[in-house]
Amino acid sequence: IVVFLPLNTTSLLQPMDQGVIASFKAYYLRSTFTQTIRTTEKEGGPTRKEFWKVFNIYHAVKNIGEAWNEVKQSNFNGV
């Protein structure tokens, strides 16, 4: 039996989403967009569109690792 959860209820049903996962998502986005801006603003660097064409799973996993390391212990304690 497969039961689907109602839409947009993840943060209500999973309390970790409110703390740890939300912080992780914010750190991941910051890391990814910082990398985008840093790369595209170089003299003769790629455009943003070109940057996203070469952005791959390796880059995403690297940013995931950096973001996870930024999540503080106090976030885990508060959940």
N, C-alpha and C. Protein backbone atom coordinates (compact mmCIF):
# COMPACT_ATOMS: atom_id res chain seq x y z
N ILE A 1 0.85 -1.17 0.00
CA ILE A 1 0.00 0.00 0.00
C ILE A 1 0.90 1.23 0.00
N VAL A 2 0.63 2.14 -0.90
CA VAL A 2 1.36 3.40 -0.99
C VAL A 2 0.43 4.51 -0.55
N VAL A 3 0.91 5.32 0.38
CA VAL A 3 0.12 6.45 0.86
C VAL A 3 0.92 7.71 0.59
N PHE A 4 0.34 8.65 -0.11
CA PHE A 4 1.00 9.91 -0.41
C PHE A 4 0.65 10.94 0.65
N LEU A 5 1.64 11.72 1.04
CA LEU A 5 1.42 12.78 2.01
C LEU A 5 0.83 13.99 1.30
N PRO A 6 0.08 14.81 2.02
CA PRO A 6 -0.46 16.02 1.41
C PRO A 6 0.68 16.95 0.97
N LEU A 7 0.42 17.76 -0.04
CA LEU A 7 1.42 18.69 -0.55
C LEU A 7 1.78 19.75 0.50
N ASN A 8 3.03 20.19 0.46
CA ASN A 8 3.54 21.28 1.30
C ASN A 8 3.38 21.03 2.80
N THR A 9 3.51 19.79 3.24
CA THR A 9 3.40 19.48 4.66
C THR A 9 4.71 18.91 5.23
N THR A 10 5.76 18.88 4.42
CA THR A 10 7.01 18.28 4.87
C THR A 10 7.54 18.95 6.13
N SER A 11 7.58 20.29 6.13
CA SER A 11 8.14 20.97 7.29
C SER A 11 7.28 20.80 8.54
N LEU A 12 6.00 20.55 8.36
CA LEU A 12 5.13 20.33 9.51
C LEU A 12 5.27 18.92 10.06
N LEU A 13 5.47 17.96 9.17
CA LEU A 13 5.53 16.56 9.58
C LEU A 13 6.94 16.12 9.98
N GLN A 14 7.95 16.83 9.51
CA GLN A 14 9.33 16.49 9.81
C GLN A 14 9.99 17.67 10.52
N PRO A 15 10.05 17.66 11.83
CA PRO A 15 10.58 18.81 12.56
C PRO A 15 12.02 19.15 12.22
N MET A 16 12.81 18.16 11.77
CA MET A 16 14.21 18.48 11.42
C MET A 16 14.25 19.44 10.25
N ASP A 17 13.21 19.44 9.40
CA ASP A 17 13.19 20.34 8.25
C ASP A 17 13.17 21.79 8.70
N GLN A 18 12.62 22.03 9.87
CA GLN A 18 12.52 23.40 10.35
C GLN A 18 13.86 23.92 10.85
N GLY A 19 14.76 23.07 11.24
CA GLY A 19 16.03 23.52 11.80
C GLY A 19 17.22 23.13 10.97
N VAL A 20 17.62 21.89 11.09
CA VAL A 20 18.85 21.42 10.47
C VAL A 20 18.77 21.48 8.95
N ILE A 21 17.71 20.95 8.38
CA ILE A 21 17.62 20.89 6.93
C ILE A 21 17.47 22.30 6.35
N ALA A 22 16.71 23.15 6.99
CA ALA A 22 16.55 24.52 6.51
C ALA A 22 17.89 25.26 6.52
N SER A 23 18.67 25.07 7.58
CA SER A 23 20.00 25.70 7.64
C SER A 23 20.91 25.14 6.56
N PHE A 24 20.88 23.82 6.39
CA PHE A 24 21.69 23.18 5.37
C PHE A 24 21.35 23.72 3.97
N LYS A 25 20.07 23.84 3.69
CA LYS A 25 19.64 24.35 2.39
C LYS A 25 20.16 25.77 2.16
N ALA A 26 20.08 26.59 3.19
CA ALA A 26 20.56 27.97 3.06
C ALA A 26 22.07 28.00 2.82
N TYR A 27 22.83 27.19 3.55
CA TYR A 27 24.28 27.14 3.34
C TYR A 27 24.62 26.62 1.95
N TYR A 28 23.88 25.62 1.48
CA TYR A 28 24.13 25.06 0.15
C TYR A 28 23.88 26.12 -0.93
N LEU A 29 22.76 26.81 -0.83
CA LEU A 29 22.47 27.85 -1.83
C LEU A 29 23.51 28.95 -1.81
N ARG A 30 23.90 29.36 -0.61
CA ARG A 30 24.92 30.41 -0.51
C ARG A 30 26.23 29.95 -1.14
N SER A 31 26.63 28.73 -0.87
CA SER A 31 27.87 28.20 -1.42
C SER A 31 27.81 28.12 -2.95
N THR A 32 26.70 27.63 -3.47
CA THR A 32 26.54 27.47 -4.91
C THR A 32 26.53 28.82 -5.62
N PHE A 33 25.76 29.76 -5.11
CA PHE A 33 25.68 31.05 -5.78
C PHE A 33 26.95 31.87 -5.60
N THR A 34 27.65 31.70 -4.49
CA THR A 34 28.95 32.35 -4.32
C THR A 34 29.93 31.84 -5.37
N GLN A 35 29.91 30.53 -5.58
CA GLN A 35 30.77 29.93 -6.60
C GLN A 35 30.40 30.45 -7.98
N THR A 36 29.12 30.58 -8.25
CA THR A 36 28.66 31.10 -9.53
C THR A 36 29.15 32.51 -9.77
N ILE A 37 28.97 33.37 -8.79
CA ILE A 37 29.37 34.76 -8.92
C ILE A 37 30.89 34.88 -9.03
N ARG A 38 31.61 34.16 -8.20
CA ARG A 38 33.07 34.21 -8.22
C ARG A 38 33.61 33.78 -9.58
N THR A 39 33.03 32.77 -10.18
CA THR A 39 33.51 32.24 -11.45
C THR A 39 33.14 33.16 -12.61
N THR A 40 31.93 33.67 -12.62
CA THR A 40 31.47 34.47 -13.76
C THR A 40 31.98 35.90 -13.76
N GLU A 41 32.43 36.39 -12.61
CA GLU A 41 32.92 37.77 -12.57
C GLU A 41 34.40 37.90 -12.90
N LYS A 42 35.07 36.79 -13.14
CA LYS A 42 36.48 36.85 -13.53
C LYS A 42 36.60 37.44 -14.93
N GLU A 43 37.70 38.11 -15.17
CA GLU A 43 37.97 38.68 -16.49
C GLU A 43 38.06 37.55 -17.51
N GLY A 44 37.24 37.61 -18.53
CA GLY A 44 37.24 36.57 -19.55
C GLY A 44 36.59 35.27 -19.09
N GLY A 45 35.92 35.30 -17.95
CA GLY A 45 35.28 34.09 -17.42
C GLY A 45 34.00 33.76 -18.16
N PRO A 46 33.43 32.63 -17.85
CA PRO A 46 32.20 32.22 -18.54
C PRO A 46 31.01 33.08 -18.11
N THR A 47 29.98 33.08 -18.94
CA THR A 47 28.73 33.73 -18.55
C THR A 47 28.02 32.81 -17.55
N ARG A 48 26.98 33.32 -16.94
CA ARG A 48 26.24 32.48 -15.99
C ARG A 48 25.62 31.28 -16.69
N LYS A 49 25.14 31.50 -17.89
CA LYS A 49 24.54 30.40 -18.64
C LYS A 49 25.59 29.33 -18.94
N GLU A 50 26.80 29.74 -19.32
CA GLU A 50 27.88 28.79 -19.58
C GLU A 50 28.30 28.07 -18.30
N PHE A 51 28.30 28.82 -17.19
CA PHE A 51 28.64 28.21 -15.90
C PHE A 51 27.70 27.06 -15.58
N TRP A 52 26.39 27.29 -15.73
CA TRP A 52 25.41 26.26 -15.39
C TRP A 52 25.45 25.08 -16.34
N LYS A 53 25.93 25.29 -17.56
CA LYS A 53 26.05 24.17 -18.51
C LYS A 53 27.14 23.19 -18.08
N VAL A 54 28.20 23.69 -17.42
CA VAL A 54 29.29 22.80 -17.00
C VAL A 54 29.17 22.38 -15.54
N PHE A 55 28.23 22.98 -14.80
CA PHE A 55 28.00 22.60 -13.41
C PHE A 55 27.44 21.18 -13.40
N ASN A 56 28.08 20.27 -12.65
CA ASN A 56 27.66 18.87 -12.69
C ASN A 56 27.51 18.31 -11.28
N ILE A 57 27.28 17.03 -11.19
CA ILE A 57 27.04 16.37 -9.91
C ILE A 57 28.25 16.51 -8.99
N TYR A 58 29.45 16.45 -9.54
CA TYR A 58 30.65 16.61 -8.71
C TYR A 58 30.63 17.96 -8.00
N HIS A 59 30.32 19.02 -8.74
CA HIS A 59 30.27 20.35 -8.13
C HIS A 59 29.18 20.40 -7.05
N ALA A 60 28.03 19.80 -7.33
CA ALA A 60 26.93 19.80 -6.36
C ALA A 60 27.33 19.06 -5.09
N VAL A 61 27.96 17.89 -5.24
CA VAL A 61 28.37 17.11 -4.07
C VAL A 61 29.42 17.85 -3.26
N LYS A 62 30.33 18.52 -3.94
CA LYS A 62 31.35 19.31 -3.25
C LYS A 62 30.68 20.42 -2.43
N ASN A 63 29.70 21.09 -3.03
CA ASN A 63 28.98 22.14 -2.31
C ASN A 63 28.14 21.58 -1.17
N ILE A 64 27.61 20.38 -1.34
CA ILE A 64 26.86 19.73 -0.27
C ILE A 64 27.77 19.48 0.93
N GLY A 65 28.98 18.99 0.67
CA GLY A 65 29.94 18.75 1.76
C GLY A 65 30.29 20.01 2.50
N GLU A 66 30.54 21.08 1.75
CA GLU A 66 30.86 22.37 2.39
C GLU A 66 29.69 22.87 3.22
N ALA A 67 28.48 22.75 2.67
CA ALA A 67 27.30 23.23 3.39
C ALA A 67 27.05 22.42 4.65
N TRP A 68 27.21 21.10 4.57
CA TRP A 68 26.97 20.25 5.74
C TRP A 68 27.96 20.58 6.85
N ASN A 69 29.20 20.88 6.50
CA ASN A 69 30.21 21.23 7.50
C ASN A 69 29.89 22.55 8.19
N GLU A 70 29.09 23.39 7.56
CA GLU A 70 28.75 24.68 8.16
C GLU A 70 27.58 24.58 9.16
N VAL A 71 26.82 23.49 9.10
CA VAL A 71 25.70 23.34 10.04
C VAL A 71 26.28 23.18 11.45
N LYS A 72 25.82 24.02 12.34
CA LYS A 72 26.39 24.06 13.69
C LYS A 72 25.74 23.04 14.63
N GLN A 73 26.49 22.65 15.63
CA GLN A 73 25.99 21.71 16.62
C GLN A 73 24.77 22.24 17.34
N SER A 74 24.70 23.55 17.51
CA SER A 74 23.53 24.14 18.19
C SER A 74 22.25 23.89 17.41
N ASN A 75 22.33 23.78 16.09
CA ASN A 75 21.14 23.45 15.29
C ASN A 75 20.64 22.05 15.65
N PHE A 76 21.57 21.09 15.78
CA PHE A 76 21.19 19.73 16.13
C PHE A 76 20.61 19.67 17.54
N ASN A 77 21.21 20.41 18.46
CA ASN A 77 20.73 20.40 19.85
C ASN A 77 19.34 21.00 19.97
N GLY A 78 19.00 21.93 19.10
CA GLY A 78 17.71 22.59 19.18
C GLY A 78 16.56 21.79 18.61
N VAL A 79 16.88 20.72 17.89
CA VAL A 79 15.80 19.95 17.24
C VAL A 79 15.16 19.01 18.22
